[in-house]
Structure formats: structure tokens, C-alpha cells
Full PDB file with SEQRES, HELIX, SHEET, SSBOND, CRYST1, ORIGX, SCALE, CONECT and MASTER records, all heavy atoms in Angstrom:
SEQRES   1 A   43  VAL PHE LYS GLY ALA VAL LYS GLN THR ASP THR LEU LEU          
SEQRES   2 A   43  GLU VAL ASN SER SER THR ALA ASP PHE ALA VAL VAL ASP          
SEQRES   3 A   43  ALA GLN LEU ALA LYS SER TYR VAL GLY LYS GLY ASP TYR          
SEQRES   4 A   43  ALA ASN LEU MET                                              
HELIX    1 AA1 GLN A    8  ASN A   16  1                                   9    
HELIX    2 AA2 ALA A   27  TYR A   33  1                                   7    
HELIX    3 AA3 GLY A   37  TYR A   39  5                                   3    
CRYST1    1.000    1.000    1.000  90.00  90.00  90.00 P 1           1          
ORIGX1      1.000000  0.000000  0.000000        0.00000                         
ORIGX2      0.000000  1.000000  0.000000        0.00000                         
ORIGX3      0.000000  0.000000  1.000000        0.00000                         
SCALE1      1.000000  0.000000  0.000000        0.00000                         
SCALE2      0.000000  1.000000  0.000000        0.00000                         
SCALE3      0.000000  0.000000  1.000000        0.00000                         
ATOM      1  N   VAL A   1     119.102 -47.357 -30.615  1.00  0.00           N  
ATOM      2  CA  VAL A   1     118.127 -46.879 -29.635  1.00  0.00           C  
ATOM      3  C   VAL A   1     118.455 -45.411 -29.401  1.00  0.00           C  
ATOM      4  O   VAL A   1     119.487 -45.076 -28.809  1.00  0.00           O  
ATOM      5  CB  VAL A   1     118.221 -47.665 -28.316  1.00  0.00           C  
ATOM      6  CG1 VAL A   1     117.210 -47.118 -27.309  1.00  0.00           C  
ATOM      7  CG2 VAL A   1     118.023 -49.155 -28.569  1.00  0.00           C  
ATOM      8  N   PHE A   2     117.593 -44.523 -29.896  1.00  0.00           N  
ATOM      9  CA  PHE A   2     117.911 -43.085 -29.844  1.00  0.00           C  
ATOM     10  C   PHE A   2     117.344 -42.424 -28.592  1.00  0.00           C  
ATOM     11  O   PHE A   2     116.218 -42.678 -28.180  1.00  0.00           O  
ATOM     12  CB  PHE A   2     117.377 -42.359 -31.079  1.00  0.00           C  
ATOM     13  CG  PHE A   2     117.657 -40.884 -31.045  1.00  0.00           C  
ATOM     14  CD1 PHE A   2     118.918 -40.408 -31.377  1.00  0.00           C  
ATOM     15  CD2 PHE A   2     116.682 -39.980 -30.632  1.00  0.00           C  
ATOM     16  CE1 PHE A   2     119.195 -39.046 -31.310  1.00  0.00           C  
ATOM     17  CE2 PHE A   2     116.948 -38.623 -30.575  1.00  0.00           C  
ATOM     18  CZ  PHE A   2     118.218 -38.151 -30.910  1.00  0.00           C  
ATOM     19  N   LYS A   3     118.153 -41.517 -28.020  1.00  0.00           N  
ATOM     20  CA  LYS A   3     117.732 -40.694 -26.891  1.00  0.00           C  
ATOM     21  C   LYS A   3     118.094 -39.237 -27.194  1.00  0.00           C  
ATOM     22  O   LYS A   3     119.207 -38.952 -27.619  1.00  0.00           O  
ATOM     23  CB  LYS A   3     118.438 -41.121 -25.595  1.00  0.00           C  
ATOM     24  CG  LYS A   3     118.001 -42.469 -25.057  1.00  0.00           C  
ATOM     25  CD  LYS A   3     118.903 -42.893 -23.913  1.00  0.00           C  
ATOM     26  CE  LYS A   3     118.907 -41.902 -22.773  1.00  0.00           C  
ATOM     27  NZ  LYS A   3     119.778 -42.325 -21.647  1.00  0.00           N  
ATOM     28  N   GLY A   4     117.138 -38.335 -26.979  1.00  0.00           N  
ATOM     29  CA  GLY A   4     117.411 -36.923 -27.169  1.00  0.00           C  
ATOM     30  C   GLY A   4     118.025 -36.304 -25.927  1.00  0.00           C  
ATOM     31  O   GLY A   4     117.788 -36.761 -24.813  1.00  0.00           O  
ATOM     32  N   ALA A   5     118.810 -35.262 -26.111  1.00  0.00           N  
ATOM     33  CA  ALA A   5     119.446 -34.553 -25.004  1.00  0.00           C  
ATOM     34  C   ALA A   5     119.181 -33.066 -25.149  1.00  0.00           C  
ATOM     35  O   ALA A   5     118.946 -32.562 -26.252  1.00  0.00           O  
ATOM     36  CB  ALA A   5     120.941 -34.825 -24.977  1.00  0.00           C  
ATOM     37  N   VAL A   6     119.228 -32.338 -24.044  1.00  0.00           N  
ATOM     38  CA  VAL A   6     118.979 -30.895 -24.070  1.00  0.00           C  
ATOM     39  C   VAL A   6     120.139 -30.162 -24.733  1.00  0.00           C  
ATOM     40  O   VAL A   6     119.941 -29.223 -25.499  1.00  0.00           O  
ATOM     41  CB  VAL A   6     118.753 -30.360 -22.644  1.00  0.00           C  
ATOM     42  CG1 VAL A   6     118.626 -28.830 -22.650  1.00  0.00           C  
ATOM     43  CG2 VAL A   6     117.503 -30.976 -22.036  1.00  0.00           C  
ATOM     44  N   LYS A   7     121.374 -30.586 -24.444  1.00  0.00           N  
ATOM     45  CA  LYS A   7     122.557 -29.932 -24.978  1.00  0.00           C  
ATOM     46  C   LYS A   7     123.506 -30.949 -25.604  1.00  0.00           C  
ATOM     47  O   LYS A   7     123.545 -32.101 -25.195  1.00  0.00           O  
ATOM     48  CB  LYS A   7     123.297 -29.183 -23.879  1.00  0.00           C  
ATOM     49  CG  LYS A   7     122.508 -28.094 -23.176  1.00  0.00           C  
ATOM     50  CD  LYS A   7     123.335 -27.474 -22.059  1.00  0.00           C  
ATOM     51  CE  LYS A   7     122.553 -26.405 -21.317  1.00  0.00           C  
ATOM     52  NZ  LYS A   7     123.350 -25.815 -20.204  1.00  0.00           N  
ATOM     53  N   GLN A   8     124.297 -30.491 -26.556  1.00  0.00           N  
ATOM     54  CA  GLN A   8     125.300 -31.370 -27.150  1.00  0.00           C  
ATOM     55  C   GLN A   8     126.301 -31.857 -26.104  1.00  0.00           C  
ATOM     56  O   GLN A   8     126.717 -33.021 -26.117  1.00  0.00           O  
ATOM     57  CB  GLN A   8     126.052 -30.643 -28.266  1.00  0.00           C  
ATOM     58  CG  GLN A   8     125.224 -30.399 -29.513  1.00  0.00           C  
ATOM     59  CD  GLN A   8     126.081 -30.090 -30.716  1.00  0.00           C  
ATOM     60  OE1 GLN A   8     126.735 -30.979 -31.276  1.00  0.00           O  
ATOM     61  NE2 GLN A   8     126.103 -28.835 -31.121  1.00  0.00           N  
ATOM     62  N   THR A   9     126.686 -30.969 -25.205  1.00  0.00           N  
ATOM     63  CA  THR A   9     127.647 -31.350 -24.171  1.00  0.00           C  
ATOM     64  C   THR A   9     127.101 -32.438 -23.262  1.00  0.00           C  
ATOM     65  O   THR A   9     127.868 -33.251 -22.728  1.00  0.00           O  
ATOM     66  CB  THR A   9     128.071 -30.130 -23.348  1.00  0.00           C  
ATOM     67  OG1 THR A   9     126.900 -29.402 -22.930  1.00  0.00           O  
ATOM     68  CG2 THR A   9     128.963 -29.203 -24.165  1.00  0.00           C  
ATOM     69  N   ASP A  10     125.769 -32.477 -23.086  1.00  0.00           N  
ATOM     70  CA  ASP A  10     125.159 -33.534 -22.270  1.00  0.00           C  
ATOM     71  C   ASP A  10     125.397 -34.910 -22.891  1.00  0.00           C  
ATOM     72  O   ASP A  10     125.544 -35.907 -22.181  1.00  0.00           O  
ATOM     73  CB  ASP A  10     123.649 -33.302 -22.119  1.00  0.00           C  
ATOM     74  CG  ASP A  10     123.321 -32.092 -21.263  1.00  0.00           C  
ATOM     75  OD1 ASP A  10     124.223 -31.593 -20.556  1.00  0.00           O  
ATOM     76  OD2 ASP A  10     122.156 -31.636 -21.303  1.00  0.00           O  
ATOM     77  N   THR A  11     125.423 -34.967 -24.206  1.00  0.00           N  
ATOM     78  CA  THR A  11     125.615 -36.268 -24.876  1.00  0.00           C  
ATOM     79  C   THR A  11     127.007 -36.818 -24.572  1.00  0.00           C  
ATOM     80  O   THR A  11     127.181 -38.020 -24.390  1.00  0.00           O  
ATOM     81  CB  THR A  11     125.424 -36.159 -26.396  1.00  0.00           C  
ATOM     82  OG1 THR A  11     126.481 -35.390 -26.978  1.00  0.00           O  
ATOM     83  CG2 THR A  11     124.085 -35.520 -26.734  1.00  0.00           C  
ATOM     84  N   LEU A  12     127.990 -35.950 -24.529  1.00  0.00           N  
ATOM     85  CA  LEU A  12     129.356 -36.388 -24.230  1.00  0.00           C  
ATOM     86  C   LEU A  12     129.471 -36.878 -22.791  1.00  0.00           C  
ATOM     87  O   LEU A  12     130.178 -37.861 -22.504  1.00  0.00           O  
ATOM     88  CB  LEU A  12     130.355 -35.254 -24.470  1.00  0.00           C  
ATOM     89  CG  LEU A  12     130.434 -34.719 -25.902  1.00  0.00           C  
ATOM     90  CD1 LEU A  12     131.508 -33.630 -25.999  1.00  0.00           C  
ATOM     91  CD2 LEU A  12     130.722 -35.829 -26.895  1.00  0.00           C  
ATOM     92  N   LEU A  13     128.772 -36.218 -21.893  1.00  0.00           N  
ATOM     93  CA  LEU A  13     128.768 -36.640 -20.487  1.00  0.00           C  
ATOM     94  C   LEU A  13     128.225 -38.056 -20.358  1.00  0.00           C  
ATOM     95  O   LEU A  13     128.767 -38.879 -19.608  1.00  0.00           O  
ATOM     96  CB  LEU A  13     127.926 -35.674 -19.645  1.00  0.00           C  
ATOM     97  CG  LEU A  13     128.535 -34.306 -19.342  1.00  0.00           C  
ATOM     98  CD1 LEU A  13     127.488 -33.401 -18.701  1.00  0.00           C  
ATOM     99  CD2 LEU A  13     129.730 -34.455 -18.404  1.00  0.00           C  
ATOM    100  N   GLU A  14     127.151 -38.351 -21.086  1.00  0.00           N  
ATOM    101  CA  GLU A  14     126.534 -39.676 -20.969  1.00  0.00           C  
ATOM    102  C   GLU A  14     127.398 -40.781 -21.582  1.00  0.00           C  
ATOM    103  O   GLU A  14     127.499 -41.871 -21.030  1.00  0.00           O  
ATOM    104  CB  GLU A  14     125.143 -39.666 -21.606  1.00  0.00           C  
ATOM    105  CG  GLU A  14     124.119 -38.849 -20.828  1.00  0.00           C  
ATOM    106  CD  GLU A  14     122.722 -39.398 -20.964  1.00  0.00           C  
ATOM    107  OE1 GLU A  14     122.564 -40.639 -21.010  1.00  0.00           O  
ATOM    108  OE2 GLU A  14     121.781 -38.587 -21.021  1.00  0.00           O  
ATOM    109  N   VAL A  15     128.027 -40.482 -22.702  1.00  0.00           N  
ATOM    110  CA  VAL A  15     128.949 -41.481 -23.281  1.00  0.00           C  
ATOM    111  C   VAL A  15     130.117 -41.701 -22.342  1.00  0.00           C  
ATOM    112  O   VAL A  15     130.559 -42.841 -22.122  1.00  0.00           O  
ATOM    113  CB  VAL A  15     129.437 -41.031 -24.666  1.00  0.00           C  
ATOM    114  CG1 VAL A  15     130.497 -42.000 -25.199  1.00  0.00           C  
ATOM    115  CG2 VAL A  15     128.278 -40.949 -25.653  1.00  0.00           C  
ATOM    116  N   ASN A  16     130.600 -40.625 -21.764  1.00  0.00           N  
ATOM    117  CA  ASN A  16     131.743 -40.709 -20.850  1.00  0.00           C  
ATOM    118  C   ASN A  16     131.418 -41.530 -19.615  1.00  0.00           C  
ATOM    119  O   ASN A  16     132.279 -42.229 -19.067  1.00  0.00           O  
ATOM    120  CB  ASN A  16     132.178 -39.300 -20.442  1.00  0.00           C  
ATOM    121  CG  ASN A  16     133.648 -39.219 -20.115  1.00  0.00           C  
ATOM    122  OD1 ASN A  16     134.469 -39.912 -20.696  1.00  0.00           O  
ATOM    123  ND2 ASN A  16     133.995 -38.360 -19.171  1.00  0.00           N  
ATOM    124  N   SER A  17     130.162 -41.457 -19.172  1.00  0.00           N  
ATOM    125  CA  SER A  17     129.749 -42.195 -17.977  1.00  0.00           C  
ATOM    126  C   SER A  17     129.128 -43.552 -18.308  1.00  0.00           C  
ATOM    127  O   SER A  17     128.589 -44.226 -17.428  1.00  0.00           O  
ATOM    128  CB  SER A  17     128.753 -41.359 -17.167  1.00  0.00           C  
ATOM    129  OG  SER A  17     127.572 -41.114 -17.920  1.00  0.00           O  
ATOM    130  N   SER A  18     129.168 -43.934 -19.591  1.00  0.00           N  
ATOM    131  CA  SER A  18     128.686 -45.238 -20.076  1.00  0.00           C  
ATOM    132  C   SER A  18     127.171 -45.429 -19.951  1.00  0.00           C  
ATOM    133  O   SER A  18     126.691 -46.556 -19.947  1.00  0.00           O  
ATOM    134  CB  SER A  18     129.408 -46.376 -19.340  1.00  0.00           C  
ATOM    135  OG  SER A  18     130.800 -46.317 -19.579  1.00  0.00           O  
ATOM    136  N   THR A  19     126.413 -44.326 -19.869  1.00  0.00           N  
ATOM    137  CA  THR A  19     124.952 -44.442 -19.891  1.00  0.00           C  
ATOM    138  C   THR A  19     124.434 -44.411 -21.331  1.00  0.00           C  
ATOM    139  O   THR A  19     123.230 -44.562 -21.561  1.00  0.00           O  
ATOM    140  CB  THR A  19     124.291 -43.338 -19.066  1.00  0.00           C  
ATOM    141  OG1 THR A  19     124.747 -42.063 -19.529  1.00  0.00           O  
ATOM    142  CG2 THR A  19     124.631 -43.492 -17.585  1.00  0.00           C  
ATOM    143  N   ALA A  20     125.334 -44.187 -22.276  1.00  0.00           N  
ATOM    144  CA  ALA A  20     125.026 -44.274 -23.701  1.00  0.00           C  
ATOM    145  C   ALA A  20     126.270 -44.795 -24.407  1.00  0.00           C  
ATOM    146  O   ALA A  20     127.384 -44.673 -23.892  1.00  0.00           O  
ATOM    147  CB  ALA A  20     124.619 -42.915 -24.261  1.00  0.00           C  
ATOM    148  N   ASP A  21     126.070 -45.367 -25.596  1.00  0.00           N  
ATOM    149  CA  ASP A  21     127.191 -45.971 -26.308  1.00  0.00           C  
ATOM    150  C   ASP A  21     127.885 -45.006 -27.273  1.00  0.00           C  
ATOM    151  O   ASP A  21     129.078 -45.137 -27.523  1.00  0.00           O  
ATOM    152  CB  ASP A  21     126.704 -47.182 -27.103  1.00  0.00           C  
ATOM    153  CG  ASP A  21     126.128 -48.260 -26.192  1.00  0.00           C  
ATOM    154  OD1 ASP A  21     126.870 -48.745 -25.324  1.00  0.00           O  
ATOM    155  OD2 ASP A  21     124.931 -48.578 -26.352  1.00  0.00           O  
ATOM    156  N   PHE A  22     127.118 -44.078 -27.815  1.00  0.00           N  
ATOM    157  CA  PHE A  22     127.721 -43.116 -28.741  1.00  0.00           C  
ATOM    158  C   PHE A  22     126.901 -41.827 -28.772  1.00  0.00           C  
ATOM    159  O   PHE A  22     125.733 -41.800 -28.387  1.00  0.00           O  
ATOM    160  CB  PHE A  22     127.835 -43.696 -30.151  1.00  0.00           C  
ATOM    161  CG  PHE A  22     126.532 -43.845 -30.892  1.00  0.00           C  
ATOM    162  CD1 PHE A  22     126.089 -42.873 -31.767  1.00  0.00           C  
ATOM    163  CD2 PHE A  22     125.739 -44.987 -30.710  1.00  0.00           C  
ATOM    164  CE1 PHE A  22     124.885 -43.011 -32.457  1.00  0.00           C  
ATOM    165  CE2 PHE A  22     124.546 -45.143 -31.402  1.00  0.00           C  
ATOM    166  CZ  PHE A  22     124.115 -44.149 -32.269  1.00  0.00           C  
ATOM    167  N   ALA A  23     127.566 -40.784 -29.214  1.00  0.00           N  
ATOM    168  CA  ALA A  23     126.905 -39.487 -29.367  1.00  0.00           C  
ATOM    169  C   ALA A  23     127.173 -38.970 -30.766  1.00  0.00           C  
ATOM    170  O   ALA A  23     128.239 -39.225 -31.339  1.00  0.00           O  
ATOM    171  CB  ALA A  23     127.428 -38.492 -28.345  1.00  0.00           C  
ATOM    172  N   VAL A  24     126.212 -38.242 -31.318  1.00  0.00           N  
ATOM    173  CA  VAL A  24     126.415 -37.551 -32.587  1.00  0.00           C  
ATOM    174  C   VAL A  24     126.398 -36.057 -32.296  1.00  0.00           C  
ATOM    175  O   VAL A  24     125.395 -35.527 -31.794  1.00  0.00           O  
ATOM    176  CB  VAL A  24     125.335 -37.908 -33.622  1.00  0.00           C  
ATOM    177  CG1 VAL A  24     125.547 -37.105 -34.906  1.00  0.00           C  
ATOM    178  CG2 VAL A  24     125.351 -39.396 -33.922  1.00  0.00           C  
ATOM    179  N   VAL A  25     127.506 -35.397 -32.573  1.00  0.00           N  
ATOM    180  CA  VAL A  25     127.647 -33.966 -32.297  1.00  0.00           C  
ATOM    181  C   VAL A  25     128.322 -33.263 -33.466  1.00  0.00           C  
ATOM    182  O   VAL A  25     128.872 -33.913 -34.358  1.00  0.00           O  
ATOM    183  CB  VAL A  25     128.471 -33.720 -31.007  1.00  0.00           C  
ATOM    184  CG1 VAL A  25     127.785 -34.313 -29.787  1.00  0.00           C  
ATOM    185  CG2 VAL A  25     129.883 -34.283 -31.151  1.00  0.00           C  
ATOM    186  N   ASP A  26     128.308 -31.957 -33.434  1.00  0.00           N  
ATOM    187  CA  ASP A  26     129.008 -31.173 -34.450  1.00  0.00           C  
ATOM    188  C   ASP A  26     130.508 -31.376 -34.315  1.00  0.00           C  
ATOM    189  O   ASP A  26     131.056 -31.407 -33.204  1.00  0.00           O  
ATOM    190  CB  ASP A  26     128.688 -29.696 -34.284  1.00  0.00           C  
ATOM    191  CG  ASP A  26     127.301 -29.330 -34.785  1.00  0.00           C  
ATOM    192  OD1 ASP A  26     126.486 -30.250 -34.971  1.00  0.00           O  
ATOM    193  OD2 ASP A  26     127.036 -28.136 -34.976  1.00  0.00           O  
ATOM    194  N   ALA A  27     131.180 -31.471 -35.446  1.00  0.00           N  
ATOM    195  CA  ALA A  27     132.640 -31.638 -35.442  1.00  0.00           C  
ATOM    196  C   ALA A  27     133.322 -30.483 -34.738  1.00  0.00           C  
ATOM    197  O   ALA A  27     134.326 -30.666 -34.043  1.00  0.00           O  
ATOM    198  CB  ALA A  27     133.149 -31.748 -36.876  1.00  0.00           C  
ATOM    199  N   GLN A  28     132.767 -29.259 -34.892  1.00  0.00           N  
ATOM    200  CA  GLN A  28     133.376 -28.099 -34.245  1.00  0.00           C  
ATOM    201  C   GLN A  28     133.408 -28.267 -32.731  1.00  0.00           C  
ATOM    202  O   GLN A  28     134.414 -27.978 -32.072  1.00  0.00           O  
ATOM    203  CB  GLN A  28     132.608 -26.822 -34.610  1.00  0.00           C  
ATOM    204  CG  GLN A  28     132.608 -26.491 -36.093  1.00  0.00           C  
ATOM    205  CD  GLN A  28     133.994 -26.133 -36.608  1.00  0.00           C  
ATOM    206  OE1 GLN A  28     134.949 -25.991 -35.860  1.00  0.00           O  
ATOM    207  NE2 GLN A  28     134.121 -26.006 -37.916  1.00  0.00           N  
ATOM    208  N   LEU A  29     132.327 -28.765 -32.157  1.00  0.00           N  
ATOM    209  CA  LEU A  29     132.289 -29.011 -30.722  1.00  0.00           C  
ATOM    210  C   LEU A  29     133.182 -30.174 -30.343  1.00  0.00           C  
ATOM    211  O   LEU A  29     133.935 -30.106 -29.356  1.00  0.00           O  
ATOM    212  CB  LEU A  29     130.847 -29.286 -30.276  1.00  0.00           C  
ATOM    213  CG  LEU A  29     130.638 -29.596 -28.780  1.00  0.00           C  
ATOM    214  CD1 LEU A  29     129.365 -28.947 -28.261  1.00  0.00           C  
ATOM    215  CD2 LEU A  29     130.575 -31.106 -28.543  1.00  0.00           C  
ATOM    216  N   ALA A  30     133.114 -31.251 -31.110  1.00  0.00           N  
ATOM    217  CA  ALA A  30     133.899 -32.457 -30.786  1.00  0.00           C  
ATOM    218  C   ALA A  30     135.383 -32.139 -30.713  1.00  0.00           C  
ATOM    219  O   ALA A  30     136.092 -32.626 -29.823  1.00  0.00           O  
ATOM    220  CB  ALA A  30     133.633 -33.539 -31.832  1.00  0.00           C  
ATOM    221  N   LYS A  31     135.866 -31.308 -31.636  1.00  0.00           N  
ATOM    222  CA  LYS A  31     137.287 -30.981 -31.644  1.00  0.00           C  
ATOM    223  C   LYS A  31     137.715 -30.206 -30.414  1.00  0.00           C  
ATOM    224  O   LYS A  31     138.888 -30.211 -30.042  1.00  0.00           O  
ATOM    225  CB  LYS A  31     137.625 -30.196 -32.925  1.00  0.00           C  
ATOM    226  CG  LYS A  31     137.610 -31.044 -34.194  1.00  0.00           C  
ATOM    227  CD  LYS A  31     138.067 -30.259 -35.401  1.00  0.00           C  
ATOM    228  CE  LYS A  31     137.031 -29.235 -35.830  1.00  0.00           C  
ATOM    229  NZ  LYS A  31     137.421 -28.584 -37.119  1.00  0.00           N  
ATOM    230  N   SER A  32     136.761 -29.540 -29.765  1.00  0.00           N  
ATOM    231  CA  SER A  32     137.082 -28.752 -28.568  1.00  0.00           C  
ATOM    232  C   SER A  32     137.105 -29.599 -27.301  1.00  0.00           C  
ATOM    233  O   SER A  32     137.708 -29.203 -26.306  1.00  0.00           O  
ATOM    234  CB  SER A  32     136.055 -27.621 -28.391  1.00  0.00           C  
ATOM    235  OG  SER A  32     136.140 -26.686 -29.447  1.00  0.00           O  
ATOM    236  N   TYR A  33     136.436 -30.764 -27.316  1.00  0.00           N  
ATOM    237  CA  TYR A  33     136.297 -31.563 -26.103  1.00  0.00           C  
ATOM    238  C   TYR A  33     136.938 -32.953 -26.178  1.00  0.00           C  
ATOM    239  O   TYR A  33     137.608 -33.385 -25.240  1.00  0.00           O  
ATOM    240  CB  TYR A  33     134.803 -31.745 -25.774  1.00  0.00           C  
ATOM    241  CG  TYR A  33     134.094 -30.495 -25.342  1.00  0.00           C  
ATOM    242  CD1 TYR A  33     133.466 -29.675 -26.273  1.00  0.00           C  
ATOM    243  CD2 TYR A  33     134.013 -30.132 -24.000  1.00  0.00           C  
ATOM    244  CE1 TYR A  33     132.792 -28.523 -25.880  1.00  0.00           C  
ATOM    245  CE2 TYR A  33     133.350 -28.996 -23.604  1.00  0.00           C  
ATOM    246  CZ  TYR A  33     132.742 -28.191 -24.542  1.00  0.00           C  
ATOM    247  OH  TYR A  33     132.083 -27.043 -24.164  1.00  0.00           O  
ATOM    248  N   VAL A  34     136.694 -33.647 -27.266  1.00  0.00           N  
ATOM    249  CA  VAL A  34     137.042 -35.070 -27.363  1.00  0.00           C  
ATOM    250  C   VAL A  34     138.562 -35.289 -27.321  1.00  0.00           C  
ATOM    251  O   VAL A  34     139.323 -34.618 -28.013  1.00  0.00           O  
ATOM    252  CB  VAL A  34     136.453 -35.685 -28.641  1.00  0.00           C  
ATOM    253  CG1 VAL A  34     136.919 -37.117 -28.834  1.00  0.00           C  
ATOM    254  CG2 VAL A  34     134.921 -35.626 -28.581  1.00  0.00           C  
ATOM    255  N   GLY A  35     138.955 -36.246 -26.462  1.00  0.00           N  
ATOM    256  CA  GLY A  35     140.359 -36.571 -26.324  1.00  0.00           C  
ATOM    257  C   GLY A  35     141.130 -35.638 -25.413  1.00  0.00           C  
ATOM    258  O   GLY A  35     142.360 -35.737 -25.308  1.00  0.00           O  
ATOM    259  N   LYS A  36     140.412 -34.760 -24.712  1.00  0.00           N  
ATOM    260  CA  LYS A  36     141.058 -33.776 -23.842  1.00  0.00           C  
ATOM    261  C   LYS A  36     140.456 -33.816 -22.440  1.00  0.00           C  
ATOM    262  O   LYS A  36     139.267 -34.082 -22.269  1.00  0.00           O  
ATOM    263  CB  LYS A  36     140.886 -32.363 -24.420  1.00  0.00           C  
ATOM    264  CG  LYS A  36     141.398 -32.195 -25.841  1.00  0.00           C  
ATOM    265  CD  LYS A  36     141.064 -30.821 -26.383  1.00  0.00           C  
ATOM    266  CE  LYS A  36     141.504 -30.674 -27.827  1.00  0.00           C  
ATOM    267  NZ  LYS A  36     141.138 -29.352 -28.393  1.00  0.00           N  
ATOM    268  N   GLY A  37     141.266 -33.538 -21.437  1.00  0.00           N  
ATOM    269  CA  GLY A  37     140.787 -33.393 -20.069  1.00  0.00           C  
ATOM    270  C   GLY A  37     139.899 -34.532 -19.611  1.00  0.00           C  
ATOM    271  O   GLY A  37     140.278 -35.706 -19.690  1.00  0.00           O  
ATOM    272  N   ASP A  38     138.703 -34.176 -19.124  1.00  0.00           N  
ATOM    273  CA  ASP A  38     137.756 -35.184 -18.634  1.00  0.00           C  
ATOM    274  C   ASP A  38     137.267 -36.126 -19.728  1.00  0.00           C  
ATOM    275  O   ASP A  38     136.692 -37.178 -19.448  1.00  0.00           O  
ATOM    276  CB  ASP A  38     136.548 -34.501 -17.995  1.00  0.00           C  
ATOM    277  CG  ASP A  38     136.909 -33.757 -16.705  1.00  0.00           C  
ATOM    278  OD1 ASP A  38     137.939 -34.111 -16.107  1.00  0.00           O  
ATOM    279  OD2 ASP A  38     136.165 -32.833 -16.345  1.00  0.00           O  
ATOM    280  N   TYR A  39     137.500 -35.740 -20.989  1.00  0.00           N  
ATOM    281  CA  TYR A  39     137.029 -36.551 -22.119  1.00  0.00           C  
ATOM    282  C   TYR A  39     138.185 -37.203 -22.862  1.00  0.00           C  
ATOM    283  O   TYR A  39     138.085 -37.515 -24.056  1.00  0.00           O  
ATOM    284  CB  TYR A  39     136.209 -35.685 -23.080  1.00  0.00           C  
ATOM    285  CG  TYR A  39     135.005 -35.058 -22.420  1.00  0.00           C  
ATOM    286  CD1 TYR A  39     135.024 -33.709 -22.055  1.00  0.00           C  
ATOM    287  CD2 TYR A  39     133.867 -35.803 -22.138  1.00  0.00           C  
ATOM    288  CE1 TYR A  39     133.935 -33.128 -21.431  1.00  0.00           C  
ATOM    289  CE2 TYR A  39     132.771 -35.236 -21.527  1.00  0.00           C  
ATOM    290  CZ  TYR A  39     132.808 -33.889 -21.169  1.00  0.00           C  
ATOM    291  OH  TYR A  39     131.735 -33.334 -20.554  1.00  0.00           O  
ATOM    292  N   ALA A  40     139.285 -37.443 -22.157  1.00  0.00           N  
ATOM    293  CA  ALA A  40     140.475 -38.028 -22.773  1.00  0.00           C  
ATOM    294  C   ALA A  40     140.244 -39.436 -23.296  1.00  0.00           C  
ATOM    295  O   ALA A  40     140.937 -39.895 -24.208  1.00  0.00           O  
ATOM    296  CB  ALA A  40     141.636 -38.028 -21.778  1.00  0.00           C  
ATOM    297  N   ASN A  41     139.252 -40.138 -22.730  1.00  0.00           N  
ATOM    298  CA  ASN A  41     138.990 -41.518 -23.146  1.00  0.00           C  
ATOM    299  C   ASN A  41     137.938 -41.606 -24.257  1.00  0.00           C  
ATOM    300  O   ASN A  41     137.478 -42.700 -24.598  1.00  0.00           O  
ATOM    301  CB  ASN A  41     138.555 -42.361 -21.955  1.00  0.00           C  
ATOM    302  CG  ASN A  41     137.234 -41.896 -21.364  1.00  0.00           C  
ATOM    303  OD1 ASN A  41     136.895 -40.714 -21.445  1.00  0.00           O  
ATOM    304  ND2 ASN A  41     136.490 -42.801 -20.758  1.00  0.00           N  
ATOM    305  N   LEU A  42     137.574 -40.467 -24.835  1.00  0.00           N  
ATOM    306  CA  LEU A  42     136.616 -40.464 -25.949  1.00  0.00           C  
ATOM    307  C   LEU A  42     137.356 -40.253 -27.264  1.00  0.00           C  
ATOM    308  O   LEU A  42     138.440 -39.666 -27.304  1.00  0.00           O  
ATOM    309  CB  LEU A  42     135.573 -39.360 -25.773  1.00  0.00           C  
ATOM    310  CG  LEU A  42     134.682 -39.429 -24.531  1.00  0.00           C  
ATOM    311  CD1 LEU A  42     133.630 -38.317 -24.604  1.00  0.00           C  
ATOM    312  CD2 LEU A  42     134.016 -40.781 -24.391  1.00  0.00           C  
ATOM    313  N   MET A  43     136.744 -40.718 -28.353  1.00  0.00           N  
ATOM    314  CA  MET A  43     137.337 -40.563 -29.677  1.00  0.00           C  
ATOM    315  C   MET A  43     136.253 -40.372 -30.724  1.00  0.00           C  
ATOM    316  O   MET A  43     135.079 -40.715 -30.520  1.00  0.00           O  
ATOM    317  CB  MET A  43     138.180 -41.786 -30.050  1.00  0.00           C  
ATOM    318  CG  MET A  43     137.374 -43.086 -30.096  1.00  0.00           C  
ATOM    319  SD  MET A  43     138.347 -44.528 -30.684  1.00  0.00           S  
ATOM    320  CE  MET A  43     138.305 -44.218 -32.450  1.00  0.00           C  
TER     321      MET A  43                                                      
MASTER        0    0    0    3    0    0    0    6  320    1    0    4          
END                                                                             
């Protein structure tokens, strides 16, 4: 079930808050956020 987002960072927020199950983002962005700080529980 696909949902569009305005920004890539918005997709991570929604996965983090469990309003979505997964996000597809650029690896360059993912490496800067995923597994760190507020996104420590993402992989």
C-alpha cells in the first residue's frame, strides 16, 4: 500500500511513529539518519 510523502525525511518520521511499515529512501540519506539518535530503532 503506497503513500507519497513531501520529503524523504518525512518517510522516516512515519516509520518511526508506526504510521507506516517501511520507507524507501536514498542510501546517502539513510546512512546519515538510520540507527542514530531519534532513529536508533530503525534499520
